[in-house]
Amino acid sequence: MKILQISDLHLAPGNQDMHGVNPSDRLTQCVEDIRQNHADAELCVITGDLAHKGEIGAYEILREILADLPLPYHLLVGNHDDRKKLLSVFPNTAVDPNGFIQSVVDLEIGRLIFIDTVEIGEKFGGFCAQRAEWLETQLKDSAGRPVYLFLHHPPFDVGIPYMDGMRMLRGEDLLAEIVAPFANIRHMFLGHLHRPIAGSWNGIPFSVFRGTAHQVALRMVETAHLVRSHEPPAYGVILIEPNATIVHFHDFLDDSAFVAQADIDRHH
């Protein structure tokens, strides 16, 4: 089964540029690449920071662009998002009984759990007792089937000090406690960091993708300000099998692929 992940769109009203790129144009190109190459995917998960300042106009642009996406999509929130404004434009977005934008989707390959890590007014993320209770219920209800977690903020440091100060700073120990008993958690898919990063946390494999807008430079020293970059935008192409999770980091604006003439001649 194929699943796609897009993250960190940072859309602004009026098709505005942001940090030297145009987020709306980038997302449009991303959707077109999906249309051409991955329309057979089961689902596209968009892991937060949909808007740059949580403005309704940005969510309206998102709705317009996603109308061309040839497969179902699922929206998560990030620290740049506004839950109420997002829900006003996407009223069918699932919320839990406490108003958090989190839910589950059961597919043939297992259960996908979408977790809301937003702390209102903060750049860093959080995970509270209400969210913990909800997540524990979803994990227990999975009945041992494979589980895949999607969330915006990472609950651990990644070695980039500025971004580590904006990770899940509230509730990371609680999250670790909740997931520890469940050996059926196969992978965590994250956003927020604007970088291609992979590894494991408490034995759970994870992956992070570049955003479709600007990126974060690899600066593994203390910096006074966030250092951004114009590294290529990307999205994730995730292939899930019963015994494997394969994650491709797809730089969708790269047009350098070619077939060598010698290969053509050899096959004729």
Protein backbone atom coordinates (compact mmCIF):
# COMPACT_ATOMS: atom_id res chain seq x y z
CA MET A 1 0.00 0.00 0.00
CA LYS A 2 1.24 3.47 -0.88
CA ILE A 3 0.71 6.51 1.37
CA LEU A 4 1.99 10.03 0.74
CA GLN A 5 3.11 12.62 3.29
CA ILE A 6 3.33 16.36 2.65
CA SER A 7 4.41 18.74 5.39
CA ASP A 8 5.05 22.37 6.29
CA LEU A 9 3.25 24.21 3.50
CA HIS A 10 3.31 27.69 5.15
CA LEU A 11 0.67 29.12 2.83
CA ALA A 12 -0.17 32.82 2.98
CA PRO A 13 -3.23 34.69 1.68
CA GLY A 14 -3.06 36.30 -1.73
CA ASN A 15 -0.45 33.94 -3.14
CA GLN A 16 2.28 35.78 -1.22
CA ASP A 17 5.95 34.84 -1.28
CA MET A 18 7.47 33.59 1.96
CA HIS A 19 11.20 33.53 2.73
CA GLY A 20 12.16 33.83 -0.91
CA VAL A 21 9.81 31.21 -2.39
CA ASN A 22 6.14 31.05 -3.27
CA PRO A 23 4.46 28.42 -1.07
CA SER A 24 1.27 28.29 -3.12
CA ASP A 25 3.13 27.68 -6.37
CA ARG A 26 5.28 25.04 -4.69
CA LEU A 27 2.25 23.18 -3.36
CA THR A 28 0.55 23.38 -6.75
CA GLN A 29 3.61 21.80 -8.35
CA CYS A 30 3.65 19.15 -5.62
CA VAL A 31 0.03 18.22 -6.32
CA GLU A 32 0.72 18.08 -10.05
CA ASP A 33 3.65 15.73 -9.46
CA ILE A 34 1.38 13.49 -7.41
CA ARG A 35 -1.20 13.55 -10.18
CA GLN A 36 1.41 12.43 -12.70
CA ASN A 37 3.32 9.88 -10.62
CA HIS A 38 1.47 8.76 -7.49
CA ALA A 39 -2.26 9.02 -8.12
CA ASP A 40 -2.47 5.35 -7.11
CA ALA A 41 -1.70 6.16 -3.45
CA GLU A 42 -4.31 5.26 -0.86
CA LEU A 43 -4.09 8.47 1.16
CA CYS A 44 -2.13 11.71 1.47
CA VAL A 45 -1.36 12.92 5.01
CA ILE A 46 -0.42 16.59 5.44
CA THR A 47 1.40 16.94 8.74
CA GLY A 48 0.84 20.51 9.83
CA ASP A 49 1.94 24.11 9.37
CA LEU A 50 -0.60 24.33 6.60
CA ALA A 51 -0.70 28.12 6.92
CA HIS A 52 2.12 30.46 7.91
CA LYS A 53 0.04 32.61 10.25
CA GLY A 54 -3.16 30.60 10.57
CA GLU A 55 -5.15 32.94 8.32
CA ILE A 56 -8.46 31.95 6.75
CA GLY A 57 -7.26 33.16 3.36
CA ALA A 58 -4.37 30.68 3.50
CA TYR A 59 -6.73 27.80 4.27
CA GLU A 60 -8.96 28.87 1.39
CA ILE A 61 -5.95 28.67 -0.95
CA LEU A 62 -5.16 25.23 0.48
CA ARG A 63 -8.72 24.06 -0.20
CA GLU A 64 -8.48 25.30 -3.79
CA ILE A 65 -5.14 23.59 -4.46
CA LEU A 66 -6.16 20.32 -2.83
CA ALA A 67 -9.25 20.15 -5.03
CA ASP A 68 -6.87 18.90 -7.73
CA LEU A 69 -5.38 16.16 -5.56
CA PRO A 70 -6.53 12.83 -7.08
CA LEU A 71 -6.77 10.94 -3.78
CA PRO A 72 -8.18 11.43 -0.27
CA TYR A 73 -6.19 13.62 2.13
CA HIS A 74 -5.98 14.05 5.88
CA LEU A 75 -4.99 17.31 7.57
CA LEU A 76 -3.00 17.71 10.79
CA VAL A 77 -2.22 20.96 12.60
CA GLY A 78 1.17 22.50 13.38
CA ASN A 79 2.27 25.38 15.55
CA HIS A 80 1.64 27.91 12.75
CA ASP A 81 -1.97 26.79 12.39
CA ASP A 82 -5.21 28.00 13.98
CA ARG A 83 -7.62 25.18 14.77
CA LYS A 84 -10.81 27.26 14.62
CA LYS A 85 -9.95 28.95 11.34
CA LEU A 86 -8.85 25.67 9.80
CA LEU A 87 -12.11 24.00 10.81
CA SER A 88 -14.12 26.92 9.41
CA VAL A 89 -12.68 26.21 5.95
CA PHE A 90 -12.44 22.41 6.33
CA PRO A 91 -15.51 21.64 8.48
CA ASN A 92 -15.32 17.90 7.83
CA THR A 93 -11.92 17.62 9.53
CA ALA A 94 -12.19 15.09 12.35
CA VAL A 95 -11.78 16.25 15.96
CA ASP A 96 -11.77 14.26 19.19
CA PRO A 97 -14.24 14.87 22.08
CA ASN A 98 -11.90 17.49 23.56
CA GLY A 99 -11.62 19.53 20.37
CA PHE A 100 -8.17 18.35 19.32
CA ILE A 101 -7.70 17.70 15.61
CA GLN A 102 -6.86 14.03 15.90
CA SER A 103 -8.43 10.83 14.67
CA VAL A 104 -7.71 7.38 13.27
CA VAL A 105 -8.03 5.77 9.85
CA ASP A 106 -8.13 2.00 9.56
CA LEU A 107 -6.70 0.59 6.34
CA GLU A 108 -5.96 -2.89 5.15
CA ILE A 109 -2.32 -2.56 6.29
CA GLY A 110 -3.15 -1.32 9.79
CA ARG A 111 -4.27 1.68 11.82
CA LEU A 112 -3.09 5.23 11.14
CA ILE A 113 -3.30 7.50 14.19
CA PHE A 114 -3.16 11.27 13.72
CA ILE A 115 -2.06 13.18 16.85
CA ASP A 116 -2.55 16.90 17.59
CA THR A 117 0.61 18.33 19.21
CA VAL A 118 -0.26 22.04 19.11
CA GLU A 119 0.08 24.25 22.19
CA ILE A 120 -1.92 27.41 21.50
CA GLY A 121 0.33 30.44 21.13
CA GLU A 122 3.56 28.43 21.33
CA LYS A 123 6.08 27.27 18.74
CA PHE A 124 6.92 24.17 20.71
CA GLY A 125 4.57 21.20 20.90
CA GLY A 126 2.66 19.51 23.67
CA PHE A 127 0.93 16.31 24.69
CA CYS A 128 -1.47 16.51 27.62
CA ALA A 129 -3.44 14.04 29.77
CA GLN A 130 -6.52 14.36 27.54
CA ARG A 131 -4.56 13.54 24.43
CA ALA A 132 -2.77 10.73 26.24
CA GLU A 133 -6.05 9.12 27.28
CA TRP A 134 -7.38 9.38 23.73
CA LEU A 135 -4.19 7.91 22.22
CA GLU A 136 -4.09 5.04 24.69
CA THR A 137 -7.67 4.15 23.76
CA GLN A 138 -6.84 4.13 20.05
CA LEU A 139 -3.78 1.95 20.64
CA LYS A 140 -5.72 -0.54 22.74
CA ASP A 141 -8.47 -0.64 20.13
CA SER A 142 -5.92 -1.48 17.44
CA ALA A 143 -5.99 -5.05 18.81
CA GLY A 144 -2.35 -5.69 17.92
CA ARG A 145 -2.68 -4.66 14.27
CA PRO A 146 0.21 -2.58 12.85
CA VAL A 147 -0.01 1.07 13.94
CA TYR A 148 1.52 4.13 12.25
CA LEU A 149 1.66 7.46 14.12
CA PHE A 150 1.52 10.87 12.42
CA LEU A 151 2.27 14.09 14.33
CA HIS A 152 3.78 17.50 13.71
CA HIS A 153 6.31 17.99 16.52
CA PRO A 154 9.07 15.48 17.29
CA PRO A 155 9.23 14.41 20.96
CA PHE A 156 13.05 14.37 20.92
CA ASP A 157 16.11 16.44 19.97
CA VAL A 158 17.62 16.06 16.51
CA GLY A 159 20.89 17.92 17.01
CA ILE A 160 19.83 21.29 15.56
CA PRO A 161 19.75 23.45 18.72
CA TYR A 162 17.37 26.12 17.45
CA MET A 163 14.80 23.55 16.31
CA ASP A 164 15.33 21.43 19.41
CA GLY A 165 14.01 24.40 21.38
CA MET A 166 10.74 24.11 19.46
CA ARG A 167 10.16 20.36 19.66
CA MET A 168 7.52 18.71 21.88
CA LEU A 169 8.66 20.35 25.12
CA ARG A 170 5.52 19.51 27.10
CA GLY A 171 4.46 15.92 27.51
CA GLU A 172 7.22 14.03 25.71
CA ASP A 173 7.70 11.74 28.71
CA LEU A 174 3.96 11.13 28.84
CA LEU A 175 3.92 10.22 25.15
CA ALA A 176 6.82 7.83 25.70
CA GLU A 177 4.95 6.22 28.59
CA ILE A 178 1.76 5.76 26.57
CA VAL A 179 3.39 4.17 23.53
CA ALA A 180 5.90 1.97 25.43
CA PRO A 181 3.61 -1.05 25.96
CA PHE A 182 2.59 -1.27 22.29
CA ALA A 183 5.07 -3.27 20.24
CA ASN A 184 2.75 -3.01 17.22
CA ILE A 185 3.73 0.64 16.56
CA ARG A 186 5.69 0.32 13.32
CA HIS A 187 6.67 3.91 12.44
CA MET A 188 6.30 7.59 13.38
CA PHE A 189 5.90 10.18 10.61
CA LEU A 190 6.77 13.75 11.66
CA GLY A 191 6.85 17.31 10.32
CA HIS A 192 8.03 20.64 11.75
CA LEU A 193 11.76 20.28 11.06
CA HIS A 194 11.87 21.06 7.32
CA ARG A 195 14.67 18.51 6.88
CA PRO A 196 15.14 14.92 5.67
CA ILE A 197 15.79 13.05 8.92
CA ALA A 198 15.37 9.40 9.86
CA GLY A 199 16.19 7.32 12.91
CA SER A 200 14.48 5.72 15.89
CA TRP A 201 13.06 6.93 19.20
CA ASN A 202 12.64 4.44 22.03
CA GLY A 203 12.89 1.70 19.43
CA ILE A 204 10.24 3.21 17.11
CA PRO A 205 11.52 4.13 13.63
CA PHE A 206 10.70 7.67 12.49
CA SER A 207 11.07 9.85 9.41
CA VAL A 208 10.82 13.58 8.72
CA PHE A 209 10.57 15.29 5.34
CA ARG A 210 11.46 18.68 3.92
CA GLY A 211 8.55 21.06 3.57
CA THR A 212 7.04 22.19 0.30
CA ALA A 213 8.05 25.78 1.09
CA HIS A 214 11.38 26.94 2.60
CA GLN A 215 13.69 24.59 4.51
CA VAL A 216 15.80 24.68 7.68
CA ALA A 217 19.58 24.65 7.24
CA LEU A 218 21.64 21.97 8.95
CA ARG A 219 23.25 24.09 11.68
CA MET A 220 24.29 21.86 14.56
CA VAL A 221 25.56 24.77 16.66
CA GLU A 222 23.74 27.41 18.68
CA THR A 223 22.38 30.24 16.49
CA ALA A 224 20.65 33.45 17.54
CA HIS A 225 18.05 33.07 14.79
CA LEU A 226 16.56 30.27 12.74
CA VAL A 227 18.71 29.69 9.66
CA ARG A 228 16.52 28.79 6.68
CA SER A 229 17.60 27.43 3.30
CA HIS A 230 16.36 26.90 -0.24
CA GLU A 231 17.14 23.21 -0.40
CA PRO A 232 14.72 21.40 -2.73
CA PRO A 233 11.16 20.86 -1.49
CA ALA A 234 10.06 17.27 -1.04
CA TYR A 235 7.26 14.96 -0.03
CA GLY A 236 7.25 11.40 1.22
CA VAL A 237 6.28 8.31 -0.76
CA ILE A 238 5.66 5.57 1.80
CA LEU A 239 5.28 1.92 0.84
CA ILE A 240 3.84 -0.27 3.58
CA GLU A 241 3.95 -4.04 3.48
CA PRO A 242 3.19 -6.56 6.23
CA ASN A 243 6.86 -6.88 7.14
CA ALA A 244 8.37 -3.62 5.88
CA THR A 245 7.91 0.15 5.80
CA ILE A 246 9.80 1.80 2.91
CA VAL A 247 10.15 5.60 2.93
CA HIS A 248 11.19 7.56 -0.16
CA PHE A 249 12.18 11.24 0.13
CA HIS A 250 10.98 12.66 -3.18
CA ASP A 251 12.43 16.00 -4.40
CA PHE A 252 9.51 16.68 -6.69
CA LEU A 253 11.05 19.66 -8.54
CA ASP A 254 14.15 17.71 -9.56
CA ASP A 255 14.14 17.23 -13.34
CA SER A 256 17.60 15.70 -13.76
CA ALA A 257 16.47 12.11 -14.46
CA PHE A 258 17.63 10.71 -17.79
CA VAL A 259 18.36 7.49 -19.62
CA ALA A 260 21.89 7.27 -21.04
CA GLN A 261 22.14 6.85 -24.82
CA ALA A 262 24.40 3.85 -24.28
CA ASP A 263 21.61 2.10 -22.40
CA ILE A 264 19.18 2.84 -25.24
CA ASP A 265 21.62 1.52 -27.84
CA ARG A 266 22.27 -1.64 -25.80
CA HIS A 267 18.55 -2.51 -25.82
CA HIS A 268 18.06 -2.05 -29.56
